[in-house]
Amino acid sequence: MTGALTGKRIGLLTAQASRLGGGVFEAVIHQAKMIRDMGGEPIIFALQDRYTAQDAVRLAPSRVISVPVLGPKQIGFAPNLLPQLLAADLDCLHLHGIWMYPSYAARRWVHKTGRRYVISAHGMLNPWITARGRLKKALARAGYERASWQAADQFHALTDIEAADIAAETGRRDIAVIPNPAPPLSPIRSAMPPPTIVCIGRIHAVKNVLALIDGWTSAGLDQTASLVIAGWGADESVAELNAAIAKAGPGITFLGPVYGTDKAALLGSARFAILPSLTEALPMAALDAWAAGVPVIMTPQCNLSDAFICGAAIECATGAQEIASALQIAIGLNGAEWLQMTKAGQDFVTNRFSASAVAGQWLDVYDPPVEQRL
C-alpha cells in the first residue's frame, strides 16, 4: 500500500480543524496520516476558530489552511475558502461533515475543476441530528446541500446503518462503507486496574453525559470507584457539566480535553471506558479504548453491535438507571473476566478495523480504477 497515492494531492475539508470539531477532527487526523502513509499529500482546509492554530500540531506535518469566517459561526461563511481550494490544485476533495458553508464551497470547486469529490457525513444525516435545528437544515438543503450531494462522485459512510441514513436523505446509493481505523495496539495488560471509569469525547447533548452522572450517582458503587470525564465542548455545555458534577458529589472528575500522552495515560489507568451516547456514526473513543486494552460500556446507538457478541463491550441503554446497572455489572467483574474482555477488544479492532485494510478501501475511493469511473 506504501506509495499507492504518490503524486496525488487530497484536500480534506472540514468546518473545524481543532478540538471543537470533536470526533470529526479526530477522523481527519487519522485520514491525513493514512494518506501520507500511502505517499499522498493531504492538505487540510478549515474555518478559523480559537483553537485552529494551537491544534494544527496534531495534523503535522500536513499543511493546514484556515480561513476567517464572516457573520454567524453556525453558517461559517468564508469567502476566501473557494480561492484557497482552487489554488491548491487538488486531485480530489474530501468533505468531512455537512450543513455549513464548506459544502457550498466544495460544490463550487467541483463546478470549476470537474475533479473528484467525496463526502463523509460523519453521522450528520442521522434522524436524531436532522430533527434538530429543522429550519436551519431546511434552508441549508435548499441553499446548497442538495446541490453538493448531487455533485459528489461518492458518499462515504462509517457503517451500514449510516449508509441507510444517507440513502434515505439524499437518494444516493453509491456509498462506500468504510470504518475508521483503530490506532496501534498497546501491550496487553496483565492485571485489572483500580475501578476507574473514563468517558472521553465532546461535551454535547448527544453524548448523554448528564445521564451518565445521574447513573453514576444511582449506582451506589464502592467509594474506591471513580468516574473521570475528559473532553471539550461549548462553554455553556461545559458549565452545565460542571454544575452537574458539583451537585453529584465526590467521585467524579472533569479534566477538560486530553491528547497524546495524557490521553494514553488516562486510558492506561482505566478499567472501563463508557459511551452512553444517544447516537454515533462510529465512535473513535471506543476504538481507542479497545486498542489500549480497555473494555467498553456503550449503548447500541454506537453502531458496534458485534462488540457485544464477541465480549468486548457491555451493553447499556441511555437512561440513568440502565447506565447504573451497566456500571454495576462492569465493576462486579473479576480479574479473569476483565482480562478476557481486554483481549476480546484488541482482537475485535485487529480483525475489523486494521489500518491496512481501511487504507486499501480508501485507495479505491480516492483513485478508483478507470473502469469504475466510467
Protein backbone atom coordinates (compact mmCIF):
# COMPACT_ATOMS: atom_id res chain seq x y z
CA MET A 1 0.00 0.00 0.00
CA THR A 2 3.02 2.30 0.50
CA GLY A 3 3.30 4.73 -2.41
CA ALA A 4 -0.15 3.93 -3.81
CA LEU A 5 -1.12 7.63 -3.73
CA THR A 6 2.25 9.06 -4.70
CA GLY A 7 1.78 12.29 -6.63
CA LYS A 8 -1.84 12.69 -5.50
CA ARG A 9 -2.92 15.79 -3.61
CA ILE A 10 -6.00 15.15 -1.47
CA GLY A 11 -7.87 18.04 0.14
CA LEU A 12 -9.53 17.30 3.49
CA LEU A 13 -12.18 19.98 4.03
CA THR A 14 -13.86 20.36 7.41
CA ALA A 15 -15.62 23.11 9.34
CA GLN A 16 -13.30 22.86 12.34
CA ALA A 17 -9.75 21.52 12.27
CA SER A 18 -9.48 21.78 16.04
CA ARG A 19 -10.79 20.21 19.23
CA LEU A 20 -14.09 21.98 18.56
CA GLY A 21 -14.64 19.56 15.70
CA GLY A 22 -14.90 16.64 18.11
CA GLY A 23 -14.82 13.20 16.53
CA VAL A 24 -14.75 14.65 13.01
CA PHE A 25 -11.42 16.32 13.81
CA GLU A 26 -10.05 13.04 15.14
CA ALA A 27 -11.14 11.32 11.93
CA VAL A 28 -9.41 13.98 9.82
CA ILE A 29 -6.19 13.45 11.80
CA HIS A 30 -6.31 9.71 11.07
CA GLN A 31 -7.24 10.33 7.42
CA ALA A 32 -4.31 12.68 6.88
CA LYS A 33 -1.85 10.17 8.33
CA MET A 34 -3.27 7.38 6.19
CA ILE A 35 -2.89 9.48 3.03
CA ARG A 36 0.71 10.32 3.97
CA ASP A 37 1.44 6.64 4.62
CA MET A 38 0.23 5.85 1.08
CA GLY A 39 2.54 8.51 -0.37
CA GLY A 40 -0.10 11.16 -0.99
CA GLU A 41 -0.14 14.78 0.14
CA PRO A 42 -3.08 15.69 2.36
CA ILE A 43 -3.92 19.39 2.67
CA ILE A 44 -6.40 20.33 5.37
CA PHE A 45 -8.84 23.21 4.82
CA ALA A 46 -10.96 24.58 7.66
CA LEU A 47 -12.74 27.58 9.06
CA GLN A 48 -10.73 29.51 11.62
CA ASP A 49 -11.66 29.15 15.28
CA ARG A 50 -9.92 29.97 18.53
CA TYR A 51 -8.07 26.65 18.65
CA THR A 52 -7.14 26.16 14.98
CA ALA A 53 -3.56 27.43 15.28
CA GLN A 54 -2.94 25.64 18.58
CA ASP A 55 -4.28 22.28 17.38
CA ALA A 56 -2.58 22.35 13.96
CA VAL A 57 0.33 20.49 15.53
CA ARG A 58 -1.86 17.39 15.69
CA LEU A 59 -2.07 17.40 11.89
CA ALA A 60 1.66 17.94 11.35
CA PRO A 61 3.49 17.61 9.05
CA SER A 62 0.49 18.20 6.81
CA ARG A 63 -0.35 21.73 5.75
CA VAL A 64 -3.38 23.35 7.39
CA ILE A 65 -5.10 26.24 5.58
CA SER A 66 -7.67 28.01 7.74
CA VAL A 67 -9.82 30.89 6.54
CA PRO A 68 -11.66 33.56 8.54
CA VAL A 69 -15.44 33.47 8.93
CA LEU A 70 -17.72 36.42 8.26
CA GLY A 71 -21.04 36.58 10.06
CA PRO A 72 -22.65 33.82 12.17
CA LYS A 73 -20.33 30.96 13.11
CA GLN A 74 -23.18 28.49 12.69
CA ILE A 75 -23.16 29.15 8.95
CA GLY A 76 -19.42 29.54 8.51
CA PHE A 77 -19.47 31.91 5.53
CA ALA A 78 -15.82 32.17 4.44
CA PRO A 79 -15.41 33.88 1.05
CA ASN A 80 -11.70 33.05 0.86
CA LEU A 81 -12.29 29.29 1.14
CA LEU A 82 -13.03 28.62 -2.53
CA PRO A 83 -9.97 30.57 -3.80
CA GLN A 84 -7.77 28.57 -1.41
CA LEU A 85 -9.25 25.28 -2.62
CA LEU A 86 -8.69 26.23 -6.25
CA ALA A 87 -5.13 27.42 -5.64
CA ALA A 88 -4.16 24.07 -4.09
CA ASP A 89 -4.58 22.21 -7.41
CA LEU A 90 -6.16 19.18 -5.74
CA ASP A 91 -6.71 15.81 -7.39
CA CYS A 92 -9.57 15.02 -5.05
CA LEU A 93 -11.56 16.92 -2.43
CA HIS A 94 -12.92 15.07 0.61
CA LEU A 95 -15.53 16.93 2.64
CA HIS A 96 -15.85 15.89 6.30
CA GLY A 97 -19.18 16.96 7.77
CA ILE A 98 -22.06 18.90 6.27
CA TRP A 99 -24.67 21.61 7.00
CA MET A 100 -22.24 24.56 6.75
CA TYR A 101 -20.63 26.81 4.13
CA PRO A 102 -17.82 24.33 3.27
CA SER A 103 -20.49 22.26 1.46
CA TYR A 104 -21.22 25.22 -0.80
CA ALA A 105 -17.53 25.91 -1.43
CA ALA A 106 -16.92 22.24 -2.25
CA ARG A 107 -19.73 22.18 -4.81
CA ARG A 108 -18.34 25.34 -6.44
CA TRP A 109 -14.89 23.72 -6.52
CA VAL A 110 -16.34 20.73 -8.40
CA HIS A 111 -18.10 23.05 -10.86
CA LYS A 112 -14.84 24.86 -11.63
CA THR A 113 -12.45 21.88 -11.69
CA GLY A 114 -14.52 18.82 -12.63
CA ARG A 115 -12.35 16.75 -10.29
CA ARG A 116 -13.25 14.01 -7.86
CA TYR A 117 -15.38 14.93 -4.84
CA VAL A 118 -16.20 12.69 -1.85
CA ILE A 119 -18.46 13.42 1.14
CA SER A 120 -18.20 11.85 4.61
CA ALA A 121 -21.35 12.80 6.54
CA HIS A 122 -19.98 11.63 9.92
CA GLY A 123 -23.42 10.80 11.27
CA MET A 124 -24.87 14.20 10.38
CA LEU A 125 -27.70 12.61 8.39
CA ASN A 126 -28.83 10.50 11.32
CA PRO A 127 -32.54 11.19 12.04
CA TRP A 128 -31.71 12.37 15.57
CA ILE A 129 -29.41 15.01 14.08
CA THR A 130 -31.67 16.06 11.21
CA ALA A 131 -34.54 16.54 13.66
CA ARG A 132 -32.55 19.23 15.50
CA GLY A 133 -32.44 22.73 14.02
CA ARG A 134 -35.02 21.85 11.37
CA LEU A 135 -35.30 25.37 9.95
CA LYS A 136 -31.55 25.81 9.56
CA LYS A 137 -31.26 22.44 7.84
CA ALA A 138 -34.21 23.14 5.55
CA LEU A 139 -32.53 26.36 4.42
CA ALA A 140 -29.20 24.55 4.00
CA ARG A 141 -30.79 21.82 1.88
CA ALA A 142 -32.43 24.36 -0.39
CA GLY A 143 -29.47 26.72 -0.50
CA TYR A 144 -26.53 24.40 -1.10
CA GLU A 145 -26.64 20.91 0.42
CA ARG A 146 -28.73 19.16 -2.23
CA ALA A 147 -26.54 20.63 -4.96
CA SER A 148 -23.44 19.48 -3.08
CA TRP A 149 -24.85 15.96 -2.63
CA GLN A 150 -25.63 15.76 -6.35
CA ALA A 151 -22.17 16.99 -7.29
CA ALA A 152 -20.35 14.33 -5.23
CA ASP A 153 -18.78 11.39 -7.04
CA GLN A 154 -19.29 9.25 -3.97
CA PHE A 155 -20.55 9.29 -0.41
CA HIS A 156 -18.77 7.62 2.47
CA ALA A 157 -20.46 6.01 5.48
CA LEU A 158 -18.85 4.53 8.55
CA THR A 159 -21.44 1.75 8.94
CA ASP A 160 -24.28 0.12 7.02
CA ILE A 161 -26.71 1.91 9.32
CA GLU A 162 -25.23 5.28 8.38
CA ALA A 163 -25.31 4.30 4.71
CA ALA A 164 -29.07 3.72 5.03
CA ASP A 165 -29.49 7.17 6.63
CA ILE A 166 -27.53 8.78 3.78
CA ALA A 167 -29.55 6.97 1.13
CA ALA A 168 -32.85 7.94 2.76
CA GLU A 169 -31.91 11.63 2.94
CA THR A 170 -30.03 12.11 -0.34
CA GLY A 171 -31.36 9.40 -2.64
CA ARG A 172 -27.79 8.34 -3.36
CA ARG A 173 -26.90 4.64 -3.46
CA ASP A 174 -23.21 4.84 -4.42
CA ILE A 175 -21.99 4.83 -0.83
CA ALA A 176 -18.65 3.36 0.26
CA VAL A 177 -18.94 1.84 3.75
CA ILE A 178 -15.51 2.16 5.35
CA PRO A 179 -14.91 2.23 9.12
CA ASN A 180 -12.47 4.42 10.96
CA PRO A 181 -9.12 2.69 11.51
CA ALA A 182 -8.11 1.71 15.01
CA PRO A 183 -4.83 3.06 16.43
CA PRO A 184 -1.91 0.69 17.05
CA LEU A 185 -2.44 -1.79 19.87
CA SER A 186 -0.93 -1.19 23.30
CA PRO A 187 0.73 -4.12 25.08
CA ILE A 188 -1.92 -6.34 26.64
CA ARG A 189 -2.31 -5.65 30.35
CA SER A 190 -1.59 -8.38 32.85
CA ALA A 191 -3.76 -7.26 35.76
CA MET A 192 -7.06 -5.46 36.30
CA PRO A 193 -6.53 -1.80 37.32
CA PRO A 194 -8.44 0.05 40.07
CA PRO A 195 -12.14 0.76 39.38
CA THR A 196 -11.76 3.91 37.27
CA ILE A 197 -14.31 4.50 34.51
CA VAL A 198 -13.37 7.05 31.84
CA CYS A 199 -15.59 8.93 29.40
CA ILE A 200 -13.70 10.74 26.64
CA GLY A 201 -15.38 12.85 23.98
CA ARG A 202 -17.16 16.02 23.06
CA ILE A 203 -19.26 17.65 25.76
CA HIS A 204 -22.59 17.77 23.91
CA ALA A 205 -26.16 16.62 24.44
CA VAL A 206 -25.70 13.74 22.00
CA LYS A 207 -23.04 12.22 24.27
CA ASN A 208 -25.58 11.93 27.12
CA VAL A 209 -23.02 12.70 29.82
CA LEU A 210 -25.56 14.24 32.21
CA ALA A 211 -27.45 10.93 32.28
CA LEU A 212 -24.13 9.22 32.97
CA ILE A 213 -23.61 11.42 36.02
CA ASP A 214 -27.10 10.61 37.28
CA GLY A 215 -26.47 6.93 36.64
CA TRP A 216 -23.17 7.03 38.47
CA THR A 217 -24.85 8.58 41.49
CA SER A 218 -27.62 5.95 41.41
CA ALA A 219 -25.23 3.00 41.02
CA GLY A 220 -24.07 3.16 44.65
CA LEU A 221 -20.58 1.92 43.83
CA ASP A 222 -17.82 1.44 46.35
CA GLN A 223 -16.01 4.64 47.35
CA THR A 224 -12.86 3.39 45.63
CA ALA A 225 -14.60 3.72 42.25
CA SER A 226 -14.13 6.92 40.26
CA LEU A 227 -15.54 8.42 37.09
CA VAL A 228 -13.21 10.59 35.00
CA ILE A 229 -14.71 12.67 32.19
CA ALA A 230 -12.42 14.26 29.60
CA GLY A 231 -13.41 16.31 26.61
CA TRP A 232 -14.20 19.62 25.02
CA GLY A 233 -17.34 21.50 24.11
CA ALA A 234 -19.19 24.79 24.01
CA ASP A 235 -18.79 26.95 27.10
CA GLU A 236 -22.42 26.52 28.09
CA SER A 237 -22.21 22.74 27.78
CA VAL A 238 -19.08 22.60 29.92
CA ALA A 239 -20.69 24.86 32.52
CA GLU A 240 -23.75 22.58 32.65
CA LEU A 241 -21.48 19.56 33.10
CA ASN A 242 -19.51 21.18 35.92
CA ALA A 243 -22.75 22.12 37.70
CA ALA A 244 -23.99 18.54 37.49
CA ILE A 245 -20.70 17.20 38.85
CA ALA A 246 -20.78 19.65 41.76
CA LYS A 247 -24.31 18.55 42.60
CA ALA A 248 -23.42 14.85 42.35
CA GLY A 249 -20.71 14.99 44.99
CA PRO A 250 -17.32 13.22 45.19
CA GLY A 251 -16.08 10.51 42.88
CA ILE A 252 -16.44 12.37 39.58
CA THR A 253 -13.70 14.46 37.94
CA PHE A 254 -13.74 16.56 34.78
CA LEU A 255 -10.29 17.03 33.21
CA GLY A 256 -11.10 19.06 30.11
CA PRO A 257 -9.54 17.95 26.79
CA VAL A 258 -6.75 15.35 26.78
CA TYR A 259 -4.46 14.44 23.89
CA GLY A 260 -1.39 12.41 23.12
CA THR A 261 0.46 11.07 26.13
CA ASP A 262 -2.13 12.49 28.54
CA LYS A 263 -4.90 10.60 26.77
CA ALA A 264 -2.80 7.42 26.68
CA ALA A 265 -2.11 7.73 30.40
CA LEU A 266 -5.80 8.21 31.16
CA LEU A 267 -6.75 5.11 29.18
CA GLY A 268 -3.90 3.24 30.82
CA SER A 269 -5.44 3.95 34.23
CA ALA A 270 -8.95 2.88 33.24
CA ARG A 271 -10.79 -0.31 33.97
CA PHE A 272 -13.54 0.59 31.52
CA ALA A 273 -14.39 3.33 29.03
CA ILE A 274 -18.05 4.33 28.75
CA LEU A 275 -20.04 5.81 25.87
CA PRO A 276 -23.67 6.46 26.87
CA SER A 277 -24.32 8.22 23.54
CA LEU A 278 -27.76 8.89 22.10
CA THR A 279 -26.37 8.42 18.59
CA GLU A 280 -22.96 7.90 16.96
CA ALA A 281 -21.68 7.19 13.48
CA LEU A 282 -18.70 5.08 14.59
CA PRO A 283 -17.05 6.39 17.77
CA MET A 284 -13.27 6.70 17.73
CA ALA A 285 -13.38 6.71 21.54
CA ALA A 286 -14.39 3.04 21.50
CA LEU A 287 -11.67 2.05 19.02
CA ASP A 288 -9.08 3.97 21.05
CA ALA A 289 -10.16 2.18 24.22
CA TRP A 290 -10.08 -1.32 22.76
CA ALA A 291 -6.68 -0.72 21.17
CA ALA A 292 -5.41 0.39 24.58
CA GLY A 293 -6.73 -2.79 26.20
CA VAL A 294 -9.71 -1.13 27.86
CA PRO A 295 -13.16 -2.79 27.62
CA VAL A 296 -16.11 -0.56 26.80
CA ILE A 297 -19.58 0.08 28.23
CA MET A 298 -21.74 1.56 25.46
CA THR A 299 -25.20 1.97 24.01
CA PRO A 300 -26.45 0.14 20.89
CA GLN A 301 -26.61 3.58 19.27
CA CYS A 302 -22.80 3.44 18.97
CA ASN A 303 -23.34 1.11 15.98
CA LEU A 304 -20.82 -1.50 17.11
CA SER A 305 -23.17 -4.34 17.98
CA ASP A 306 -20.64 -7.05 17.09
CA ALA A 307 -18.57 -5.90 20.07
CA PHE A 308 -21.32 -7.14 22.39
CA ILE A 309 -21.36 -10.52 20.63
CA CYS A 310 -17.60 -11.07 20.87
CA GLY A 311 -17.41 -9.97 24.52
CA ALA A 312 -15.51 -6.70 24.03
CA ALA A 313 -18.27 -4.49 25.43
CA ILE A 314 -21.10 -4.34 27.95
CA GLU A 315 -24.39 -3.02 26.61
CA CYS A 316 -26.28 -0.22 28.34
CA ALA A 317 -29.32 1.84 27.44
CA THR A 318 -29.39 5.63 27.51
CA GLY A 319 -31.36 6.16 30.72
CA ALA A 320 -29.71 6.85 34.07
CA GLN A 321 -30.98 3.68 35.74
CA GLU A 322 -29.86 1.48 32.85
CA ILE A 323 -26.45 3.15 32.90
CA ALA A 324 -26.26 2.49 36.66
CA SER A 325 -26.99 -1.21 36.09
CA ALA A 326 -24.30 -1.49 33.42
CA LEU A 327 -21.76 0.20 35.73
CA GLN A 328 -22.58 -2.28 38.49
CA ILE A 329 -22.05 -5.21 36.11
CA ALA A 330 -18.73 -3.80 34.90
CA ILE A 331 -17.33 -3.11 38.35
CA GLY A 332 -18.51 -6.54 39.51
CA LEU A 333 -16.32 -8.46 37.05
CA ASN A 334 -13.39 -10.38 38.48
CA GLY A 335 -9.85 -10.13 37.16
CA ALA A 336 -10.06 -13.12 34.83
CA GLU A 337 -13.32 -11.91 33.30
CA TRP A 338 -11.90 -8.43 32.81
CA LEU A 339 -8.73 -9.74 31.15
CA GLN A 340 -10.86 -11.82 28.80
CA MET A 341 -12.70 -8.65 27.77
CA THR A 342 -9.46 -6.74 27.13
CA LYS A 343 -8.25 -9.49 24.80
CA ALA A 344 -11.62 -9.62 23.05
CA GLY A 345 -11.46 -5.86 22.46
CA GLN A 346 -7.99 -5.95 20.95
CA ASP A 347 -8.91 -8.92 18.77
CA PHE A 348 -12.05 -7.08 17.65
CA VAL A 349 -10.23 -3.99 16.40
CA THR A 350 -7.44 -6.06 14.85
CA ASN A 351 -9.90 -8.13 12.84
CA ARG A 352 -12.31 -5.36 11.88
CA PHE A 353 -10.50 -2.03 11.94
CA SER A 354 -6.87 -2.57 10.95
CA ALA A 355 -5.22 0.45 9.36
CA SER A 356 -4.00 -1.54 6.33
CA ALA A 357 -7.45 -2.90 5.49
CA VAL A 358 -9.06 0.52 5.84
CA ALA A 359 -6.35 2.15 3.69
CA GLY A 360 -6.98 -0.32 0.88
CA GLN A 361 -10.65 0.61 0.79
CA TRP A 362 -9.86 4.33 0.73
CA LEU A 363 -7.48 3.87 -2.19
CA ASP A 364 -10.42 2.72 -4.32
CA VAL A 365 -12.34 5.85 -3.29
CA TYR A 366 -9.59 8.41 -3.86
CA ASP A 367 -8.13 6.83 -7.01
CA PRO A 368 -10.60 4.30 -8.41
CA PRO A 369 -9.73 2.04 -11.34
CA VAL A 370 -10.58 3.55 -14.71
CA GLU A 371 -13.48 1.15 -15.30
CA GLN A 372 -15.14 2.33 -12.08
CA ARG A 373 -15.03 5.96 -13.22
CA LEU A 374 -16.88 5.32 -16.47
